[in-house]
Amino acid sequence: MKNTNITLHTSQKKEYVLTGILSLPLHLGERAWIYSYNQTFATSPVQSILEVSENGVVFETCNSIYRLSYTRVPMEMEAMCA
């Protein structure tokens, strides 16, 4: 008979789906600072970065998984900043 290791996850992490921006780049072992809906908040230290794209990022902390979609700047605002 073949031995198989099975990992059971007894507690599921809370998942947050947000729209906003990262105030600082993500670094493993450091807090993520997120600006969303006129509020800035910090997470617990980042344990892993699961997905990165031009539209957002998915990362994991000790107790949570964050799915952050980046806030889009309207095109007329981009022209004003150029």
PDB file of N, CA and C in Angstrom:
ATOM      1  N   MET A   1       0.848  -1.178   0.000  1.00  0.00           N
ATOM      2  CA  MET A   1       0.000   0.000   0.000  1.00  0.00           C
ATOM      3  C   MET A   1       0.892   1.238   0.000  1.00  0.00           C
ATOM      4  N   LYS A   2       0.516   2.239  -0.768  1.00  0.00           N
ATOM      5  CA  LYS A   2       1.303   3.462  -0.908  1.00  0.00           C
ATOM      6  C   LYS A   2       0.895   4.476   0.151  1.00  0.00           C
ATOM      7  N   ASN A   3       1.886   5.087   0.827  1.00  0.00           N
ATOM      8  CA  ASN A   3       1.617   6.150   1.794  1.00  0.00           C
ATOM      9  C   ASN A   3       1.369   7.455   1.060  1.00  0.00           C
ATOM     10  N   THR A   4       0.320   8.142   1.437  1.00  0.00           N
ATOM     11  CA  THR A   4      -0.002   9.430   0.846  1.00  0.00           C
ATOM     12  C   THR A   4      -0.208  10.433   1.961  1.00  0.00           C
ATOM     13  N   ASN A   5       0.479  11.556   1.851  1.00  0.00           N
ATOM     14  CA  ASN A   5       0.288  12.632   2.823  1.00  0.00           C
ATOM     15  C   ASN A   5      -0.876  13.495   2.382  1.00  0.00           C
ATOM     16  N   ILE A   6      -1.792  13.728   3.286  1.00  0.00           N
ATOM     17  CA  ILE A   6      -2.941  14.574   3.014  1.00  0.00           C
ATOM     18  C   ILE A   6      -2.915  15.719   4.004  1.00  0.00           C
ATOM     19  N   THR A   7      -2.991  16.942   3.484  1.00  0.00           N
ATOM     20  CA  THR A   7      -3.017  18.111   4.336  1.00  0.00           C
ATOM     21  C   THR A   7      -4.455  18.590   4.462  1.00  0.00           C
ATOM     22  N   LEU A   8      -4.940  18.674   5.680  1.00  0.00           N
ATOM     23  CA  LEU A   8      -6.291  19.169   5.932  1.00  0.00           C
ATOM     24  C   LEU A   8      -6.190  20.580   6.497  1.00  0.00           C
ATOM     25  N   HIS A   9      -6.971  21.480   5.934  1.00  0.00           N
ATOM     26  CA  HIS A   9      -7.018  22.850   6.433  1.00  0.00           C
ATOM     27  C   HIS A   9      -8.236  22.962   7.340  1.00  0.00           C
ATOM     28  N   THR A  10      -7.990  23.130   8.621  1.00  0.00           N
ATOM     29  CA  THR A  10      -9.086  23.159   9.579  1.00  0.00           C
ATOM     30  C   THR A  10      -9.749  24.527   9.665  1.00  0.00           C
ATOM     31  N   SER A  11      -9.041  25.570   9.279  1.00  0.00           N
ATOM     32  CA  SER A  11      -9.661  26.893   9.336  1.00  0.00           C
ATOM     33  C   SER A  11      -9.476  27.583   7.997  1.00  0.00           C
ATOM     34  N   GLN A  12     -10.556  28.128   7.492  1.00  0.00           N
ATOM     35  CA  GLN A  12     -10.482  28.857   6.238  1.00  0.00           C
ATOM     36  C   GLN A  12     -10.206  30.320   6.534  1.00  0.00           C
ATOM     37  N   LYS A  13      -9.448  30.920   5.659  1.00  0.00           N
ATOM     38  CA  LYS A  13      -9.114  32.326   5.822  1.00  0.00           C
ATOM     39  C   LYS A  13     -10.244  33.189   5.283  1.00  0.00           C
ATOM     40  N   LYS A  14     -10.462  34.316   5.943  1.00  0.00           N
ATOM     41  CA  LYS A  14     -11.448  35.281   5.486  1.00  0.00           C
ATOM     42  C   LYS A  14     -10.933  35.904   4.198  1.00  0.00           C
ATOM     43  N   GLU A  15     -11.825  36.099   3.244  1.00  0.00           N
ATOM     44  CA  GLU A  15     -11.437  36.656   1.955  1.00  0.00           C
ATOM     45  C   GLU A  15     -12.049  38.037   1.785  1.00  0.00           C
ATOM     46  N   TYR A  16     -11.212  39.001   1.420  1.00  0.00           N
ATOM     47  CA  TYR A  16     -11.656  40.372   1.194  1.00  0.00           C
ATOM     48  C   TYR A  16     -11.491  40.710  -0.281  1.00  0.00           C
ATOM     49  N   VAL A  17     -12.534  41.245  -0.891  1.00  0.00           N
ATOM     50  CA  VAL A  17     -12.484  41.697  -2.278  1.00  0.00           C
ATOM     51  C   VAL A  17     -12.634  43.212  -2.239  1.00  0.00           C
ATOM     52  N   LEU A  18     -11.577  43.912  -2.686  1.00  0.00           N
ATOM     53  CA  LEU A  18     -11.527  45.368  -2.566  1.00  0.00           C
ATOM     54  C   LEU A  18     -11.184  46.024  -3.888  1.00  0.00           C
ATOM     55  N   THR A  19     -11.551  47.287  -4.009  1.00  0.00           N
ATOM     56  CA  THR A  19     -11.102  48.130  -5.104  1.00  0.00           C
ATOM     57  C   THR A  19     -10.349  49.285  -4.477  1.00  0.00           C
ATOM     58  N   GLY A  20      -9.132  49.522  -4.938  1.00  0.00           N
ATOM     59  CA  GLY A  20      -8.315  50.586  -4.382  1.00  0.00           C
ATOM     60  C   GLY A  20      -6.917  50.529  -4.950  1.00  0.00           C
ATOM     61  N   ILE A  21      -5.950  51.056  -4.186  1.00  0.00           N
ATOM     62  CA  ILE A  21      -4.557  51.026  -4.608  1.00  0.00           C
ATOM     63  C   ILE A  21      -3.681  50.658  -3.420  1.00  0.00           C
ATOM     64  N   LEU A  22      -2.518  50.133  -3.725  1.00  0.00           N
ATOM     65  CA  LEU A  22      -1.523  49.888  -2.694  1.00  0.00           C
ATOM     66  C   LEU A  22      -0.765  51.187  -2.472  1.00  0.00           C
ATOM     67  N   SER A  23      -0.636  51.601  -1.209  1.00  0.00           N
ATOM     68  CA  SER A  23       0.112  52.818  -0.904  1.00  0.00           C
ATOM     69  C   SER A  23       1.614  52.588  -1.017  1.00  0.00           C
ATOM     70  N   LEU A  24       2.051  51.360  -0.796  1.00  0.00           N
ATOM     71  CA  LEU A  24       3.453  50.965  -0.904  1.00  0.00           C
ATOM     72  C   LEU A  24       3.517  49.627  -1.629  1.00  0.00           C
ATOM     73  N   PRO A  25       4.646  49.302  -2.239  1.00  0.00           N
ATOM     74  CA  PRO A  25       4.772  47.977  -2.872  1.00  0.00           C
ATOM     75  C   PRO A  25       4.649  46.859  -1.836  1.00  0.00           C
ATOM     76  N   LEU A  26       4.155  45.706  -2.279  1.00  0.00           N
ATOM     77  CA  LEU A  26       4.048  44.546  -1.387  1.00  0.00           C
ATOM     78  C   LEU A  26       5.425  43.940  -1.140  1.00  0.00           C
ATOM     79  N   HIS A  27       5.688  43.591   0.113  1.00  0.00           N
ATOM     80  CA  HIS A  27       6.913  42.891   0.491  1.00  0.00           C
ATOM     81  C   HIS A  27       6.540  41.791   1.468  1.00  0.00           C
ATOM     82  N   LEU A  28       7.062  40.597   1.234  1.00  0.00           N
ATOM     83  CA  LEU A  28       6.806  39.494   2.160  1.00  0.00           C
ATOM     84  C   LEU A  28       7.302  39.858   3.552  1.00  0.00           C
ATOM     85  N   GLY A  29       6.495  39.539   4.557  1.00  0.00           N
ATOM     86  CA  GLY A  29       6.855  39.812   5.942  1.00  0.00           C
ATOM     87  C   GLY A  29       6.524  41.213   6.414  1.00  0.00           C
ATOM     88  N   GLU A  30       6.027  42.065   5.498  1.00  0.00           N
ATOM     89  CA  GLU A  30       5.647  43.434   5.870  1.00  0.00           C
ATOM     90  C   GLU A  30       4.157  43.641   5.637  1.00  0.00           C
ATOM     91  N   ARG A  31       3.602  44.622   6.322  1.00  0.00           N
ATOM     92  CA  ARG A  31       2.186  44.947   6.154  1.00  0.00           C
ATOM     93  C   ARG A  31       1.921  45.535   4.780  1.00  0.00           C
ATOM     94  N   ALA A  32       0.742  45.263   4.247  1.00  0.00           N
ATOM     95  CA  ALA A  32       0.285  45.932   3.028  1.00  0.00           C
ATOM     96  C   ALA A  32      -0.534  47.146   3.461  1.00  0.00           C
ATOM     97  N   TRP A  33      -0.317  48.253   2.792  1.00  0.00           N
ATOM     98  CA  TRP A  33      -1.078  49.477   3.058  1.00  0.00           C
ATOM     99  C   TRP A  33      -1.981  49.719   1.863  1.00  0.00           C
ATOM    100  N   ILE A  34      -3.291  49.694   2.108  1.00  0.00           N
ATOM    101  CA  ILE A  34      -4.283  49.797   1.029  1.00  0.00           C
ATOM    102  C   ILE A  34      -5.093  51.068   1.205  1.00  0.00           C
ATOM    103  N   TYR A  35      -5.240  51.829   0.111  1.00  0.00           N
ATOM    104  CA  TYR A  35      -6.097  53.006   0.097  1.00  0.00           C
ATOM    105  C   TYR A  35      -7.343  52.641  -0.690  1.00  0.00           C
ATOM    106  N   SER A  36      -8.494  52.649  -0.004  1.00  0.00           N
ATOM    107  CA  SER A  36      -9.750  52.257  -0.631  1.00  0.00           C
ATOM    108  C   SER A  36     -10.887  53.082  -0.049  1.00  0.00           C
ATOM    109  N   TYR A  37     -11.693  53.655  -0.905  1.00  0.00           N
ATOM    110  CA  TYR A  37     -12.863  54.435  -0.476  1.00  0.00           C
ATOM    111  C   TYR A  37     -12.494  55.481   0.571  1.00  0.00           C
ATOM    112  N   ASN A  38     -11.492  56.294   0.260  1.00  0.00           N
ATOM    113  CA  ASN A  38     -11.043  57.409   1.108  1.00  0.00           C
ATOM    114  C   ASN A  38     -10.542  56.972   2.479  1.00  0.00           C
ATOM    115  N   GLN A  39     -10.130  55.726   2.593  1.00  0.00           N
ATOM    116  CA  GLN A  39      -9.560  55.226   3.846  1.00  0.00           C
ATOM    117  C   GLN A  39      -8.267  54.494   3.544  1.00  0.00           C
ATOM    118  N   THR A  40      -7.306  54.595   4.443  1.00  0.00           N
ATOM    119  CA  THR A  40      -6.080  53.828   4.332  1.00  0.00           C
ATOM    120  C   THR A  40      -6.044  52.857   5.498  1.00  0.00           C
ATOM    121  N   PHE A  41      -5.750  51.596   5.205  1.00  0.00           N
ATOM    122  CA  PHE A  41      -5.626  50.626   6.287  1.00  0.00           C
ATOM    123  C   PHE A  41      -4.483  49.678   6.011  1.00  0.00           C
ATOM    124  N   ALA A  42      -3.993  49.086   7.087  1.00  0.00           N
ATOM    125  CA  ALA A  42      -2.864  48.158   7.002  1.00  0.00           C
ATOM    126  C   ALA A  42      -3.350  46.749   7.297  1.00  0.00           C
ATOM    127  N   THR A  43      -2.762  45.784   6.607  1.00  0.00           N
ATOM    128  CA  THR A  43      -3.060  44.378   6.865  1.00  0.00           C
ATOM    129  C   THR A  43      -2.028  43.840   7.852  1.00  0.00           C
ATOM    130  N   SER A  44      -2.191  42.620   8.257  1.00  0.00           N
ATOM    131  CA  SER A  44      -1.124  41.951   8.991  1.00  0.00           C
ATOM    132  C   SER A  44      -0.029  41.617   7.965  1.00  0.00           C
ATOM    133  N   PRO A  45       1.148  41.184   8.395  1.00  0.00           N
ATOM    134  CA  PRO A  45       2.238  40.941   7.451  1.00  0.00           C
ATOM    135  C   PRO A  45       1.869  39.969   6.323  1.00  0.00           C
ATOM    136  N   VAL A  46       2.324  40.286   5.126  1.00  0.00           N
ATOM    137  CA  VAL A  46       2.060  39.486   3.929  1.00  0.00           C
ATOM    138  C   VAL A  46       2.853  38.181   4.009  1.00  0.00           C
ATOM    139  N   GLN A  47       2.152  37.061   3.841  1.00  0.00           N
ATOM    140  CA  GLN A  47       2.804  35.752   3.848  1.00  0.00           C
ATOM    141  C   GLN A  47       3.141  35.273   2.451  1.00  0.00           C
ATOM    142  N   SER A  48       2.258  35.552   1.489  1.00  0.00           N
ATOM    143  CA  SER A  48       2.539  35.147   0.111  1.00  0.00           C
ATOM    144  C   SER A  48       1.775  36.040  -0.853  1.00  0.00           C
ATOM    145  N   ILE A  49       2.379  36.231  -2.025  1.00  0.00           N
ATOM    146  CA  ILE A  49       1.754  36.974  -3.109  1.00  0.00           C
ATOM    147  C   ILE A  49       1.312  35.931  -4.124  1.00  0.00           C
ATOM    148  N   LEU A  50       0.011  35.788  -4.294  1.00  0.00           N
ATOM    149  CA  LEU A  50      -0.545  34.703  -5.090  1.00  0.00           C
ATOM    150  C   LEU A  50      -0.703  35.047  -6.568  1.00  0.00           C
ATOM    151  N   GLU A  51      -1.006  36.304  -6.869  1.00  0.00           N
ATOM    152  CA  GLU A  51      -1.260  36.704  -8.258  1.00  0.00           C
ATOM    153  C   GLU A  51      -0.995  38.190  -8.413  1.00  0.00           C
ATOM    154  N   VAL A  52      -0.346  38.557  -9.502  1.00  0.00           N
ATOM    155  CA  VAL A  52      -0.078  39.963  -9.805  1.00  0.00           C
ATOM    156  C   VAL A  52      -0.437  40.193 -11.263  1.00  0.00           C
ATOM    157  N   SER A  53      -1.198  41.256 -11.528  1.00  0.00           N
ATOM    158  CA  SER A  53      -1.521  41.627 -12.908  1.00  0.00           C
ATOM    159  C   SER A  53      -1.605  43.142 -12.974  1.00  0.00           C
ATOM    160  N   GLU A  54      -1.807  43.656 -14.179  1.00  0.00           N
ATOM    161  CA  GLU A  54      -1.935  45.108 -14.321  1.00  0.00           C
ATOM    162  C   GLU A  54      -3.251  45.611 -13.724  1.00  0.00           C
ATOM    163  N   ASN A  55      -4.199  44.694 -13.502  1.00  0.00           N
ATOM    164  CA  ASN A  55      -5.510  45.072 -12.968  1.00  0.00           C
ATOM    165  C   ASN A  55      -5.631  44.921 -11.461  1.00  0.00           C
ATOM    166  N   GLY A  56      -4.693  44.207 -10.840  1.00  0.00           N
ATOM    167  CA  GLY A  56      -4.805  44.006  -9.404  1.00  0.00           C
ATOM    168  C   GLY A  56      -3.813  42.999  -8.881  1.00  0.00           C
ATOM    169  N   VAL A  57      -4.041  42.606  -7.632  1.00  0.00           N
ATOM    170  CA  VAL A  57      -3.137  41.689  -6.949  1.00  0.00           C
ATOM    171  C   VAL A  57      -3.930  40.839  -5.966  1.00  0.00           C
ATOM    172  N   VAL A  58      -3.479  39.620  -5.749  1.00  0.00           N
ATOM    173  CA  VAL A  58      -4.072  38.728  -4.755  1.00  0.00           C
ATOM    174  C   VAL A  58      -2.936  38.321  -3.826  1.00  0.00           C
ATOM    175  N   PHE A  59      -3.127  38.537  -2.528  1.00  0.00           N
ATOM    176  CA  PHE A  59      -2.092  38.159  -1.578  1.00  0.00           C
ATOM    177  C   PHE A  59      -2.709  37.617  -0.307  1.00  0.00           C
ATOM    178  N   GLU A  60      -1.876  36.949   0.476  1.00  0.00           N
ATOM    179  CA  GLU A  60      -2.335  36.244   1.671  1.00  0.00           C
ATOM    180  C   GLU A  60      -1.580  36.742   2.896  1.00  0.00           C
ATOM    181  N   THR A  61      -2.333  36.927   3.978  1.00  0.00           N
ATOM    182  CA  THR A  61      -1.740  37.229   5.282  1.00  0.00           C
ATOM    183  C   THR A  61      -2.041  36.049   6.200  1.00  0.00           C
ATOM    184  N   CYS A  62      -1.710  36.163   7.456  1.00  0.00           N
ATOM    185  CA  CYS A  62      -1.906  35.069   8.393  1.00  0.00           C
ATOM    186  C   CYS A  62      -3.367  34.608   8.453  1.00  0.00           C
ATOM    187  N   ASN A  63      -4.293  35.547   8.457  1.00  0.00           N
ATOM    188  CA  ASN A  63      -5.708  35.206   8.647  1.00  0.00           C
ATOM    189  C   ASN A  63      -6.599  35.479   7.444  1.00  0.00           C
ATOM    190  N   SER A  64      -6.056  36.128   6.401  1.00  0.00           N
ATOM    191  CA  SER A  64      -6.926  36.603   5.320  1.00  0.00           C
ATOM    192  C   SER A  64      -6.294  36.454   3.951  1.00  0.00           C
ATOM    193  N   ILE A  65      -7.155  36.472   2.944  1.00  0.00           N
ATOM    194  CA  ILE A  65      -6.745  36.564   1.547  1.00  0.00           C
ATOM    195  C   ILE A  65      -7.378  37.833   0.991  1.00  0.00           C
ATOM    196  N   TYR A  66      -6.558  38.662   0.359  1.00  0.00           N
ATOM    197  CA  TYR A  66      -7.019  39.928  -0.197  1.00  0.00           C
ATOM    198  C   TYR A  66      -6.986  39.855  -1.714  1.00  0.00           C
ATOM    199  N   ARG A  67      -8.100  40.237  -2.341  1.00  0.00           N
ATOM    200  CA  ARG A  67      -8.202  40.352  -3.799  1.00  0.00           C
ATOM    201  C   ARG A  67      -8.435  41.831  -4.089  1.00  0.00           C
ATOM    202  N   LEU A  68      -7.365  42.517  -4.461  1.00  0.00           N
ATOM    203  CA  LEU A  68      -7.421  43.960  -4.669  1.00  0.00           C
ATOM    204  C   LEU A  68      -7.432  44.268  -6.158  1.00  0.00           C
ATOM    205  N   SER A  69      -8.528  44.873  -6.624  1.00  0.00           N
ATOM    206  CA  SER A  69      -8.607  45.379  -7.994  1.00  0.00           C
ATOM    207  C   SER A  69      -8.211  46.844  -7.949  1.00  0.00           C
ATOM    208  N   TYR A  70      -7.292  47.223  -8.825  1.00  0.00           N
ATOM    209  CA  TYR A  70      -6.804  48.598  -8.799  1.00  0.00           C
ATOM    210  C   TYR A  70      -7.859  49.578  -9.278  1.00  0.00           C
ATOM    211  N   THR A  71      -7.925  50.722  -8.619  1.00  0.00           N
ATOM    212  CA  THR A  71      -8.808  51.806  -9.008  1.00  0.00           C
ATOM    213  C   THR A  71      -8.301  52.390 -10.312  1.00  0.00           C
ATOM    214  N   ARG A  72      -9.194  52.605 -11.237  1.00  0.00           N
ATOM    215  CA  ARG A  72      -8.831  53.195 -12.530  1.00  0.00           C
ATOM    216  C   ARG A  72      -8.958  54.706 -12.456  1.00  0.00           C
ATOM    217  N   VAL A  73      -8.004  55.408 -13.068  1.00  0.00           N
ATOM    218  CA  VAL A  73      -8.055  56.863 -13.158  1.00  0.00           C
ATOM    219  C   VAL A  73      -8.740  57.201 -14.472  1.00  0.00           C
ATOM    220  N   PRO A  74      -9.795  58.047 -14.454  1.00  0.00           N
ATOM    221  CA  PRO A  74     -10.462  58.407 -15.712  1.00  0.00           C
ATOM    222  C   PRO A  74      -9.481  59.029 -16.700  1.00  0.00           C
ATOM    223  N   MET A  75      -9.704  58.770 -17.988  1.00  0.00           N
ATOM    224  CA  MET A  75      -8.780  59.241 -19.023  1.00  0.00           C
ATOM    225  C   MET A  75      -8.604  60.750 -18.999  1.00  0.00           C
ATOM    226  N   GLU A  76      -9.669  61.513 -18.708  1.00  0.00           N
ATOM    227  CA  GLU A  76      -9.529  62.980 -18.683  1.00  0.00           C
ATOM    228  C   GLU A  76      -8.600  63.413 -17.547  1.00  0.00           C
ATOM    229  N   MET A  77      -8.544  62.654 -16.455  1.00  0.00           N
ATOM    230  CA  MET A  77      -7.636  62.962 -15.364  1.00  0.00           C
ATOM    231  C   MET A  77      -6.194  62.659 -15.786  1.00  0.00           C
ATOM    232  N   GLU A  78      -5.982  61.596 -16.540  1.00  0.00           N
ATOM    233  CA  GLU A  78      -4.651  61.255 -17.019  1.00  0.00           C
ATOM    234  C   GLU A  78      -4.108  62.378 -17.905  1.00  0.00           C
ATOM    235  N   ALA A  79      -4.962  62.936 -18.775  1.00  0.00           N
ATOM    236  CA  ALA A  79      -4.538  64.010 -19.659  1.00  0.00           C
ATOM    237  C   ALA A  79      -4.166  65.250 -18.865  1.00  0.00           C
ATOM    238  N   MET A  80      -4.886  65.515 -17.782  1.00  0.00           N
ATOM    239  CA  MET A  80      -4.613  66.693 -16.965  1.00  0.00           C
ATOM    240  C   MET A  80      -3.278  66.567 -16.232  1.00  0.00           C
ATOM    241  N   CYS A  81      -2.859  65.352 -15.953  1.00  0.00           N
ATOM    242  CA  CYS A  81      -1.630  65.135 -15.207  1.00  0.00           C
ATOM    243  C   CYS A  81      -0.400  65.107 -16.104  1.00  0.00           C
ATOM    244  N   ALA A  82      -0.611  64.986 -17.397  1.00  0.00           N
ATOM    245  CA  ALA A  82       0.523  64.837 -18.310  1.00  0.00           C
ATOM    246  C   ALA A  82       1.289  66.120 -18.501  1.00  0.00           C
TER     247      ALA A  82
END
